[in-house]
Amino acid sequence: ALGATTTDDLKYITEGDLLPVLKPIQARRLVAAWAHNGKCKTLPPHYTRSSTTTSSPSGSCTPFMPNWADSFEIPWQKLPEELVQNLERQKRPSARQRREMVRIVVSEMMKICKNPTKHNTTEIAKRMVAKYPKSLQDVIDGDVIGLGYHSLVKQLKSRVENVKRPDTPRIRKRKAASDDNDTDEIPAEQKASVQDTYGCVSWEPKHLPLSETVESQVEKKEEMRKLFKEINYNIDVVKELVKCTYFTQRKDINKGASIQKLCQEWPFLFTEVGMTAHFQELTGVNPMETFLTNVDKKGARLLNFLKCVDAQKHKQVLNALLKLQTERGRSSGCSEELVEMVLLLLAHFGEKEERLFHCIEMTSLPGEVQMENVPPTPCIIVCGSSCFTAKTFMLSIDQKVVNGCITTFTSAICLMFGSYYCFNIHYPVELRSTLEFLQRCFFSINPERGTKVECKKKLWSVNPRVLTLISDIADHEWT
């Protein structure tokens, strides 16, 4: 994070740089060790003693090389000639070649350290991707996903675990500690706030805009409530009012105001114009504009992959495709293709449509919807037998209809997704892969760390299943 990319850079780091993450004595010892290492090849006495007297339960690393990964020489010369040619020509290696590369690199790693940690594999993956970014980086249509090397870290780590498995007692393996520095290492009382702020640039502004006062905020709030009752309100006026009162909106939301109260106090937040303005202030992303741009850019490729490649590999995708072809009939157009894309994504990840969509009679009114079968998380209520035939959609949050007249599927998807961020709602485990794929690839919210999934299990910064799909699409594009 400080910008050090080689061991030579460590001499420029000061004690003050380390204090946010280390205790003062630890920081001083580390800076002293780096300074000492710059003058001689041996480690400082205190470092050597602590290393030699501490035995690893798994017989891990050479005691005099605690930072072996920094000086590890990646065995490029041992890679197959065909793979090296692809890397040098900035082409993506095939899945077979990539697996072979991982096997060779891990083999060399484990000659030095029998039990490489995730930190070790991350450092090595980072250097590999830095050397050949065009060939190894995690990208979809030119957009880098996360830090760009998460899928290679995952492959290296999995290979390490596979090699270790025969020698690792089962009980020790379950209890093995990990050195991840992710949201799962944060104390439980802080997890919720980390998930709430995930992907946000202005989650809770500290000060009112200079031109605003508490009184003016109340006046603008009342003005919006009156405008909401009008049929033909000025969209630009509403956008400006939402932007001006963003400070007060976030205060109410972050204090835990109920969805019902927010509907009464800030009704425009649940409309396309209001949520778009709020979401853009919150994340720095215009949801509708970004989503449509990315659908135009990536949608056809994703749909082609799901239909032509994925359906041949996964039975659940093939079954979903056959069902969709029946429901779609002869209708065609951008909206129908978007429906197919979302439903096939759900099938690919094995996640249930019922968690995202709830079908009702086409003529049903918001007050007539039976909410007991609707999930509490943001849900699109489809007014019709399928998303293809529906002319109207509704949005529900906390089993309450908050918008009863959404006229396009695109708007419904954007409002549903935006609700997770605007109202501090965590992704349900049952939809985590589909929502994160939409988040990273279509809404361009691409945090390097953290997670928005509410789950007790240890999670990766980027969902491994999302990374796998992105890698498969990239490989498919090259071939």
Protein backbone atom coordinates (compact mmCIF):
# COMPACT_ATOMS: atom_id res chain seq x y z
CA ALA A 1 0.00 0.00 0.00
CA LEU A 2 2.95 2.33 0.60
CA GLY A 3 4.34 1.62 -2.86
CA ALA A 4 7.20 -0.78 -2.07
CA THR A 5 7.59 -3.26 -4.92
CA THR A 6 11.05 -4.72 -4.20
CA THR A 7 13.08 -5.48 -1.08
CA ASP A 8 15.30 -2.51 -1.91
CA ASP A 9 12.31 -0.21 -1.39
CA LEU A 10 11.96 -1.30 2.24
CA LYS A 11 14.79 0.98 3.37
CA TYR A 12 12.63 3.98 2.49
CA ILE A 13 9.83 2.97 4.87
CA THR A 14 9.84 4.81 8.20
CA GLU A 15 8.57 3.84 11.61
CA GLY A 16 5.65 6.25 11.22
CA ASP A 17 4.50 4.46 8.06
CA LEU A 18 4.11 1.23 10.03
CA LEU A 19 2.36 2.53 13.14
CA PRO A 20 -1.19 2.11 11.74
CA VAL A 21 -0.64 -1.67 11.63
CA LEU A 22 2.17 -2.42 14.13
CA LYS A 23 2.96 -1.58 17.72
CA PRO A 24 5.79 0.98 18.17
CA ILE A 25 8.42 -1.57 19.27
CA GLN A 26 7.52 -3.91 16.43
CA ALA A 27 7.78 -1.06 13.94
CA ARG A 28 11.21 0.01 15.27
CA ARG A 29 12.55 -3.56 15.16
CA LEU A 30 11.31 -4.04 11.62
CA VAL A 31 12.80 -0.78 10.34
CA ALA A 32 16.07 -1.65 12.09
CA ALA A 33 16.05 -5.11 10.52
CA TRP A 34 15.55 -3.68 7.04
CA ALA A 35 18.33 -1.15 7.56
CA HIS A 36 20.65 -3.90 8.82
CA ASN A 37 19.82 -6.22 5.95
CA GLY A 38 20.83 -3.52 3.50
CA LYS A 39 24.38 -3.63 4.89
CA CYS A 40 24.94 -7.37 5.30
CA LYS A 41 23.48 -10.68 4.23
CA THR A 42 22.80 -12.05 7.71
CA LEU A 43 19.73 -11.26 9.76
CA PRO A 44 19.87 -9.19 12.96
CA PRO A 45 20.46 -11.27 16.11
CA HIS A 46 16.94 -10.84 17.50
CA TYR A 47 15.43 -11.91 14.19
CA THR A 48 17.66 -14.96 13.93
CA ARG A 49 16.99 -16.05 17.51
CA SER A 50 13.23 -15.76 17.22
CA SER A 51 13.29 -17.68 13.95
CA THR A 52 15.51 -20.52 15.13
CA THR A 53 13.77 -21.05 18.44
CA THR A 54 10.27 -21.08 16.97
CA SER A 55 9.41 -24.37 15.38
CA SER A 56 6.62 -24.64 12.87
CA PRO A 57 4.00 -27.33 13.48
CA SER A 58 4.04 -28.20 9.81
CA GLY A 59 7.81 -27.98 9.32
CA SER A 60 7.25 -24.94 7.18
CA CYS A 61 9.97 -22.50 6.12
CA THR A 62 13.73 -22.37 6.39
CA PRO A 63 14.32 -20.47 9.67
CA PHE A 64 16.77 -18.00 8.13
CA MET A 65 14.38 -17.07 5.30
CA PRO A 66 11.19 -15.70 6.87
CA ASN A 67 10.70 -13.41 3.85
CA TRP A 68 11.63 -16.02 1.26
CA ALA A 69 8.77 -15.09 -1.07
CA ASP A 70 10.27 -11.63 -1.66
CA SER A 71 13.44 -13.14 -3.13
CA PHE A 72 11.85 -16.22 -4.69
CA GLU A 73 12.89 -16.57 -8.32
CA ILE A 74 9.89 -17.47 -10.44
CA PRO A 75 10.99 -20.43 -12.62
CA TRP A 76 10.08 -18.93 -15.99
CA GLN A 77 12.86 -20.94 -17.64
CA LYS A 78 11.23 -24.22 -16.56
CA LEU A 79 7.89 -23.45 -18.20
CA PRO A 80 6.97 -25.19 -21.49
CA GLU A 81 8.14 -23.35 -24.60
CA GLU A 82 4.59 -22.96 -25.95
CA LEU A 83 3.47 -21.29 -22.72
CA VAL A 84 6.46 -18.93 -22.66
CA GLN A 85 5.72 -17.94 -26.26
CA ASN A 86 2.13 -17.06 -25.32
CA LEU A 87 3.29 -15.01 -22.34
CA GLU A 88 5.90 -13.11 -24.34
CA ARG A 89 3.36 -12.39 -27.10
CA GLN A 90 0.81 -11.15 -24.54
CA LYS A 91 -1.62 -13.97 -25.28
CA ARG A 92 -3.67 -15.71 -22.63
CA PRO A 93 -2.46 -19.25 -21.92
CA SER A 94 -4.96 -22.06 -22.21
CA ALA A 95 -6.44 -23.54 -19.05
CA ARG A 96 -4.12 -26.55 -19.46
CA GLN A 97 -1.05 -24.36 -19.82
CA ARG A 98 -2.05 -22.26 -16.83
CA ARG A 99 -2.45 -25.36 -14.65
CA GLU A 100 0.97 -26.58 -15.76
CA MET A 101 2.49 -23.20 -14.88
CA VAL A 102 0.91 -23.34 -11.42
CA ARG A 103 2.22 -26.88 -10.83
CA ILE A 104 5.78 -25.87 -11.75
CA VAL A 105 5.76 -22.68 -9.68
CA VAL A 106 4.31 -24.41 -6.60
CA SER A 107 6.83 -27.23 -6.93
CA GLU A 108 9.67 -24.69 -6.78
CA MET A 109 8.01 -22.80 -3.92
CA MET A 110 7.70 -25.91 -1.79
CA LYS A 111 11.38 -26.75 -2.22
CA ILE A 112 12.02 -23.63 -0.12
CA CYS A 113 8.97 -23.67 2.12
CA LYS A 114 6.88 -26.78 2.77
CA ASN A 115 3.90 -24.77 3.96
CA PRO A 116 3.54 -21.53 1.93
CA THR A 117 0.93 -19.18 3.35
CA LYS A 118 -1.65 -17.23 1.42
CA HIS A 119 0.52 -14.16 1.93
CA ASN A 120 3.39 -15.98 0.20
CA THR A 121 1.25 -17.10 -2.73
CA THR A 122 -0.21 -13.59 -3.03
CA GLU A 123 3.24 -11.99 -3.26
CA ILE A 124 4.36 -14.46 -5.93
CA ALA A 125 1.11 -14.18 -7.92
CA LYS A 126 1.40 -10.39 -7.78
CA ARG A 127 4.88 -10.52 -9.33
CA MET A 128 3.82 -13.02 -12.00
CA VAL A 129 0.87 -10.89 -13.08
CA ALA A 130 3.02 -7.73 -13.00
CA LYS A 131 5.44 -9.33 -15.50
CA TYR A 132 2.74 -10.59 -17.88
CA PRO A 133 -0.44 -8.58 -17.16
CA LYS A 134 -2.00 -9.09 -20.60
CA SER A 135 -1.72 -12.87 -20.24
CA LEU A 136 -2.44 -13.47 -16.55
CA GLN A 137 -4.54 -10.61 -15.22
CA ASP A 138 -8.19 -11.10 -14.18
CA VAL A 139 -10.07 -9.10 -16.80
CA ILE A 140 -13.38 -9.11 -18.58
CA ASP A 141 -13.44 -7.11 -21.78
CA GLY A 142 -10.58 -4.90 -20.65
CA ASP A 143 -11.86 -4.21 -17.12
CA VAL A 144 -9.54 -5.46 -14.37
CA ILE A 145 -11.37 -7.38 -11.65
CA GLY A 146 -10.26 -6.59 -8.10
CA LEU A 147 -6.47 -6.38 -7.94
CA GLY A 148 -6.14 -8.50 -11.05
CA TYR A 149 -4.31 -11.44 -9.51
CA HIS A 150 -6.90 -13.07 -7.22
CA SER A 151 -7.59 -16.04 -9.53
CA LEU A 152 -3.87 -16.88 -9.76
CA VAL A 153 -3.59 -16.65 -5.95
CA LYS A 154 -6.53 -19.04 -5.69
CA GLN A 155 -4.91 -21.52 -8.09
CA LEU A 156 -1.54 -21.38 -6.33
CA LYS A 157 -3.15 -21.78 -2.91
CA SER A 158 -5.31 -24.70 -4.08
CA ARG A 159 -2.29 -26.44 -5.58
CA VAL A 160 -0.34 -25.97 -2.34
CA GLU A 161 -3.20 -27.52 -0.37
CA ASN A 162 -3.47 -30.42 -2.81
CA VAL A 163 0.27 -31.18 -2.55
CA LYS A 164 0.18 -30.90 1.26
CA ARG A 165 -2.91 -33.06 1.68
CA PRO A 166 -1.27 -36.51 1.92
CA ASP A 167 1.07 -35.30 4.70
CA THR A 168 -1.38 -33.13 6.60
CA PRO A 169 -3.35 -34.77 9.44
CA ARG A 170 -7.01 -33.98 9.03
CA ILE A 171 -7.44 -32.40 12.46
CA ARG A 172 -4.46 -30.12 11.91
CA LYS A 173 -5.72 -29.09 8.53
CA ARG A 174 -9.08 -27.99 9.95
CA LYS A 175 -7.36 -25.91 12.61
CA ALA A 176 -4.69 -24.46 10.35
CA ALA A 177 -4.46 -20.71 10.83
CA SER A 178 -4.57 -18.37 7.87
CA ASP A 179 -2.87 -15.06 7.48
CA ASP A 180 -5.59 -13.32 5.46
CA ASN A 181 -5.98 -9.64 6.13
CA ASP A 182 -9.53 -9.37 4.94
CA THR A 183 -12.83 -8.37 6.50
CA ASP A 184 -13.08 -11.84 8.06
CA GLU A 185 -10.09 -10.93 10.28
CA ILE A 186 -11.90 -7.89 11.62
CA PRO A 187 -13.61 -8.27 15.01
CA ALA A 188 -17.27 -9.31 14.80
CA GLU A 189 -18.54 -5.97 16.09
CA GLN A 190 -16.91 -4.18 13.15
CA LYS A 191 -17.98 -6.56 10.39
CA ALA A 192 -21.40 -5.02 9.77
CA SER A 193 -20.03 -1.53 9.23
CA VAL A 194 -17.33 -2.88 6.90
CA GLN A 195 -19.96 -4.63 4.81
CA ASP A 196 -22.16 -1.50 4.79
CA THR A 197 -19.33 0.72 3.54
CA TYR A 198 -18.08 -1.82 0.97
CA GLY A 199 -17.80 -0.13 -2.43
CA CYS A 200 -18.85 3.29 -1.11
CA VAL A 201 -16.98 6.58 -1.48
CA SER A 202 -19.25 8.70 0.72
CA TRP A 203 -21.07 6.38 3.11
CA GLU A 204 -21.63 8.96 5.84
CA PRO A 205 -20.58 12.54 5.04
CA LYS A 206 -19.35 14.40 8.11
CA HIS A 207 -20.58 17.87 7.24
CA LEU A 208 -23.52 19.56 5.58
CA PRO A 209 -22.79 21.27 2.24
CA LEU A 210 -21.62 24.84 2.85
CA SER A 211 -24.79 26.25 1.30
CA GLU A 212 -27.06 24.14 3.55
CA THR A 213 -28.40 24.41 7.10
CA VAL A 214 -30.53 22.08 9.20
CA GLU A 215 -33.53 24.29 8.42
CA SER A 216 -32.91 24.28 4.67
CA GLN A 217 -32.63 20.48 4.74
CA VAL A 218 -36.06 20.23 6.35
CA GLU A 219 -37.52 22.63 3.79
CA LYS A 220 -36.09 20.67 0.85
CA LYS A 221 -37.30 17.43 2.36
CA GLU A 222 -40.85 18.76 2.55
CA GLU A 223 -40.58 20.12 -0.98
CA MET A 224 -39.67 16.65 -2.25
CA ARG A 225 -42.58 15.04 -0.43
CA LYS A 226 -44.94 17.50 -2.14
CA LEU A 227 -43.33 16.95 -5.56
CA PHE A 228 -43.72 13.19 -5.16
CA LYS A 229 -47.50 13.60 -5.12
CA GLU A 230 -47.46 15.42 -8.44
CA ILE A 231 -47.83 13.51 -11.70
CA ASN A 232 -45.44 15.54 -13.84
CA TYR A 233 -42.59 16.63 -11.61
CA ASN A 234 -39.36 18.08 -12.99
CA ILE A 235 -36.72 15.33 -12.99
CA ASP A 236 -33.78 17.75 -12.88
CA VAL A 237 -35.27 19.53 -9.86
CA VAL A 238 -35.67 16.21 -8.03
CA LYS A 239 -32.06 15.20 -8.82
CA GLU A 240 -30.77 18.46 -7.39
CA LEU A 241 -32.93 18.17 -4.26
CA VAL A 242 -31.75 14.59 -3.64
CA LYS A 243 -28.15 15.68 -4.05
CA CYS A 244 -28.59 18.67 -1.69
CA THR A 245 -30.23 16.55 1.03
CA TYR A 246 -27.87 13.56 0.67
CA PHE A 247 -26.24 14.35 4.04
CA THR A 248 -29.55 14.06 5.90
CA GLN A 249 -30.66 11.00 3.94
CA ARG A 250 -27.48 9.12 4.94
CA LYS A 251 -27.92 10.15 8.58
CA ASP A 252 -31.43 8.66 8.63
CA ILE A 253 -30.41 5.47 6.79
CA ASN A 254 -27.27 4.85 8.85
CA LYS A 255 -29.18 5.34 12.11
CA GLY A 256 -31.29 2.34 11.12
CA ALA A 257 -34.56 3.96 10.04
CA SER A 258 -37.04 1.31 8.84
CA ILE A 259 -37.86 0.94 5.16
CA GLN A 260 -41.45 1.97 5.91
CA LYS A 261 -40.28 5.20 7.56
CA LEU A 262 -37.85 5.94 4.73
CA CYS A 263 -40.70 5.46 2.23
CA GLN A 264 -42.69 8.10 4.08
CA GLU A 265 -39.83 10.53 4.70
CA TRP A 266 -37.84 10.12 1.47
CA PRO A 267 -40.21 8.58 -1.15
CA PHE A 268 -38.01 9.54 -4.11
CA LEU A 269 -35.26 7.23 -2.84
CA PHE A 270 -37.28 4.29 -4.18
CA THR A 271 -37.75 5.73 -7.67
CA GLU A 272 -35.31 5.55 -10.55
CA VAL A 273 -34.50 9.28 -10.50
CA GLY A 274 -34.02 9.48 -6.72
CA MET A 275 -32.10 6.24 -6.22
CA THR A 276 -29.82 7.02 -9.19
CA ALA A 277 -28.87 10.39 -7.68
CA HIS A 278 -28.35 8.90 -4.19
CA PHE A 279 -26.40 5.88 -5.50
CA GLN A 280 -24.09 8.12 -7.51
CA GLU A 281 -23.28 10.24 -4.44
CA LEU A 282 -22.77 7.07 -2.39
CA THR A 283 -20.56 5.06 -4.76
CA GLY A 284 -19.42 7.51 -7.43
CA VAL A 285 -21.20 5.37 -10.05
CA ASN A 286 -24.29 6.22 -12.10
CA PRO A 287 -26.07 2.86 -11.92
CA MET A 288 -28.33 3.04 -14.97
CA GLU A 289 -25.76 4.63 -17.26
CA THR A 290 -22.94 2.30 -16.16
CA PHE A 291 -25.14 -0.79 -16.37
CA LEU A 292 -26.37 -0.03 -19.90
CA THR A 293 -22.84 0.81 -21.10
CA ASN A 294 -21.49 -2.47 -19.76
CA VAL A 295 -24.42 -4.49 -21.12
CA ASP A 296 -23.67 -3.06 -24.58
CA LYS A 297 -19.98 -3.81 -24.11
CA LYS A 298 -20.07 -7.24 -22.46
CA GLY A 299 -23.62 -8.58 -22.58
CA ALA A 300 -23.47 -10.28 -25.98
CA ARG A 301 -20.17 -12.02 -25.15
CA LEU A 302 -21.43 -13.24 -21.81
CA LEU A 303 -24.67 -14.51 -23.31
CA ASN A 304 -22.79 -16.24 -26.12
CA PHE A 305 -20.52 -17.97 -23.60
CA LEU A 306 -23.41 -19.08 -21.38
CA LYS A 307 -25.38 -20.46 -24.34
CA CYS A 308 -22.62 -21.98 -26.46
CA VAL A 309 -20.06 -23.14 -23.90
CA ASP A 310 -21.53 -23.19 -20.42
CA ALA A 311 -24.75 -24.96 -21.44
CA GLN A 312 -22.63 -27.84 -22.81
CA LYS A 313 -20.75 -28.21 -19.51
CA HIS A 314 -23.44 -27.69 -16.89
CA LYS A 315 -26.77 -29.45 -17.00
CA GLN A 316 -28.51 -26.79 -14.90
CA VAL A 317 -27.55 -24.11 -17.46
CA LEU A 318 -28.78 -26.25 -20.37
CA ASN A 319 -32.10 -26.91 -18.59
CA ALA A 320 -32.49 -23.19 -17.85
CA LEU A 321 -31.72 -22.32 -21.48
CA LEU A 322 -34.33 -24.75 -22.82
CA LYS A 323 -36.90 -23.35 -20.38
CA LEU A 324 -36.09 -19.77 -21.36
CA GLN A 325 -36.37 -20.53 -25.07
CA THR A 326 -39.87 -21.84 -24.46
CA GLU A 327 -40.89 -18.83 -22.36
CA ARG A 328 -39.34 -16.31 -24.71
CA GLY A 329 -41.07 -17.67 -27.80
CA ARG A 330 -40.50 -15.53 -30.86
CA SER A 331 -39.99 -12.24 -29.07
CA SER A 332 -36.59 -10.60 -29.45
CA GLY A 333 -34.82 -7.47 -28.35
CA CYS A 334 -32.39 -6.03 -25.84
CA SER A 335 -34.72 -6.53 -22.87
CA GLU A 336 -35.26 -10.22 -23.64
CA GLU A 337 -31.52 -10.81 -23.97
CA LEU A 338 -30.93 -9.08 -20.63
CA VAL A 339 -33.54 -11.32 -19.00
CA GLU A 340 -31.81 -14.37 -20.46
CA MET A 341 -28.43 -13.18 -19.26
CA VAL A 342 -29.56 -12.70 -15.64
CA LEU A 343 -31.48 -15.98 -15.48
CA LEU A 344 -28.62 -17.97 -17.03
CA LEU A 345 -26.19 -16.36 -14.57
CA LEU A 346 -28.39 -17.60 -11.72
CA ALA A 347 -28.40 -21.08 -13.28
CA HIS A 348 -24.61 -21.04 -13.75
CA PHE A 349 -24.02 -20.25 -10.08
CA GLY A 350 -26.76 -22.65 -8.95
CA GLU A 351 -28.70 -19.84 -7.25
CA LYS A 352 -32.49 -19.81 -7.11
CA GLU A 353 -34.64 -17.47 -9.18
CA GLU A 354 -37.13 -17.31 -6.30
CA ARG A 355 -34.65 -15.31 -4.22
CA LEU A 356 -34.55 -12.59 -6.88
CA PHE A 357 -37.91 -12.79 -8.67
CA HIS A 358 -41.47 -13.38 -7.46
CA CYS A 359 -44.23 -13.77 -10.06
CA ILE A 360 -47.80 -12.58 -9.45
CA GLU A 361 -50.93 -12.02 -11.56
CA MET A 362 -50.43 -9.44 -14.29
CA THR A 363 -53.29 -7.27 -13.00
CA SER A 364 -52.32 -7.36 -9.32
CA LEU A 365 -51.97 -4.08 -7.43
CA PRO A 366 -49.22 -3.45 -4.84
CA GLY A 367 -51.66 -3.84 -1.94
CA GLU A 368 -52.82 -7.22 -3.25
CA VAL A 369 -49.42 -8.92 -3.26
CA GLN A 370 -49.17 -11.79 -0.75
CA MET A 371 -45.85 -10.91 0.88
CA GLU A 372 -45.33 -13.98 3.07
CA ASN A 373 -43.61 -15.84 0.19
CA VAL A 374 -41.47 -12.88 -0.85
CA PRO A 375 -37.89 -12.84 0.51
CA PRO A 376 -36.98 -9.96 2.86
CA THR A 377 -33.98 -8.92 0.75
CA PRO A 378 -34.56 -6.68 -2.33
CA CYS A 379 -36.78 -8.65 -4.69
CA ILE A 380 -38.27 -7.93 -8.12
CA ILE A 381 -41.98 -8.73 -8.20
CA VAL A 382 -42.89 -9.75 -11.76
CA CYS A 383 -46.41 -8.85 -12.86
CA GLY A 384 -46.94 -11.81 -15.15
CA SER A 385 -46.02 -15.45 -15.64
CA SER A 386 -42.41 -14.64 -16.58
CA CYS A 387 -39.98 -11.75 -16.99
CA PHE A 388 -40.45 -12.01 -20.78
CA THR A 389 -44.19 -11.39 -20.75
CA ALA A 390 -44.38 -8.90 -17.87
CA LYS A 391 -45.06 -5.25 -18.72
CA THR A 392 -44.77 -4.04 -15.15
CA PHE A 393 -42.49 -4.88 -12.24
CA MET A 394 -42.47 -3.96 -8.56
CA LEU A 395 -39.65 -3.69 -6.03
CA SER A 396 -39.99 -5.05 -2.52
CA ILE A 397 -37.63 -4.60 0.43
CA ASP A 398 -38.23 -6.11 3.87
CA GLN A 399 -41.38 -7.72 2.41
CA LYS A 400 -42.85 -4.30 1.63
CA VAL A 401 -43.59 -3.00 -1.88
CA VAL A 402 -41.59 0.23 -2.14
CA ASN A 403 -42.15 0.86 -5.85
CA GLY A 404 -45.27 -0.53 -7.50
CA CYS A 405 -44.81 0.70 -11.06
CA ILE A 406 -41.51 -0.11 -12.76
CA THR A 407 -41.97 -0.25 -16.52
CA THR A 408 -38.77 -1.94 -17.72
CA PHE A 409 -36.72 -4.95 -16.66
CA THR A 410 -33.55 -2.85 -16.84
CA SER A 411 -34.94 -0.33 -14.33
CA ALA A 412 -36.07 -3.17 -12.07
CA ILE A 413 -32.56 -4.72 -12.02
CA CYS A 414 -30.90 -1.35 -11.32
CA LEU A 415 -33.35 -0.50 -8.51
CA MET A 416 -32.99 -3.95 -6.97
CA PHE A 417 -29.20 -3.81 -7.04
CA GLY A 418 -29.04 -0.19 -5.92
CA SER A 419 -31.14 -1.00 -2.86
CA TYR A 420 -28.36 -3.17 -1.41
CA TYR A 421 -26.03 -0.18 -1.32
CA CYS A 422 -28.42 2.67 -0.60
CA PHE A 423 -30.04 0.93 2.38
CA ASN A 424 -27.05 -0.96 3.85
CA ILE A 425 -28.32 -4.42 2.95
CA HIS A 426 -25.85 -7.32 2.75
CA TYR A 427 -25.93 -9.79 -0.13
CA PRO A 428 -27.77 -12.95 0.92
CA VAL A 429 -25.57 -16.05 0.79
CA GLU A 430 -28.07 -17.61 -1.63
CA LEU A 431 -27.38 -14.88 -4.25
CA ARG A 432 -23.82 -13.87 -3.44
CA SER A 433 -22.19 -15.03 -6.70
CA THR A 434 -24.78 -13.56 -9.07
CA LEU A 435 -24.87 -10.22 -7.24
CA GLU A 436 -21.08 -9.93 -7.06
CA PHE A 437 -20.76 -10.76 -10.76
CA LEU A 438 -23.29 -8.02 -11.60
CA GLN A 439 -21.52 -5.67 -9.18
CA ARG A 440 -18.06 -6.09 -10.65
CA CYS A 441 -18.80 -6.64 -14.33
CA PHE A 442 -21.91 -4.54 -14.97
CA PHE A 443 -22.03 -1.88 -12.25
CA SER A 444 -18.23 -1.37 -12.18
CA ILE A 445 -18.01 -1.44 -8.38
CA ASN A 446 -14.72 -3.22 -7.96
CA PRO A 447 -13.28 -2.98 -4.41
CA GLU A 448 -9.88 -4.56 -3.89
CA ARG A 449 -10.77 -5.83 -0.41
CA GLY A 450 -13.77 -6.71 1.69
CA THR A 451 -17.10 -8.37 0.99
CA LYS A 452 -20.77 -7.43 1.03
CA VAL A 453 -21.89 -10.97 1.85
CA GLU A 454 -23.23 -11.63 5.33
CA CYS A 455 -21.64 -14.96 6.12
CA LYS A 456 -19.78 -16.51 9.07
CA LYS A 457 -17.48 -18.47 6.79
CA LYS A 458 -14.13 -17.09 5.70
CA LEU A 459 -14.53 -15.44 2.31
CA TRP A 460 -12.13 -14.36 -0.42
CA SER A 461 -11.90 -10.70 -1.46
CA VAL A 462 -13.26 -11.73 -4.84
CA ASN A 463 -15.70 -14.63 -4.97
CA PRO A 464 -13.77 -17.62 -6.44
CA ARG A 465 -16.77 -18.67 -8.51
CA VAL A 466 -16.98 -15.19 -10.02
CA LEU A 467 -13.25 -15.31 -10.80
CA THR A 468 -13.63 -18.72 -12.44
CA LEU A 469 -16.44 -17.50 -14.71
CA ILE A 470 -14.46 -14.38 -15.65
CA SER A 471 -11.39 -16.52 -16.46
CA ASP A 472 -13.49 -18.94 -18.53
CA ILE A 473 -15.01 -16.07 -20.52
CA ALA A 474 -11.56 -14.57 -21.12
CA ASP A 475 -10.22 -17.95 -22.29
CA HIS A 476 -13.24 -18.39 -24.56
CA GLU A 477 -12.65 -14.96 -26.14
CA TRP A 478 -9.02 -15.82 -26.95
CA THR A 479 -9.92 -19.14 -28.56
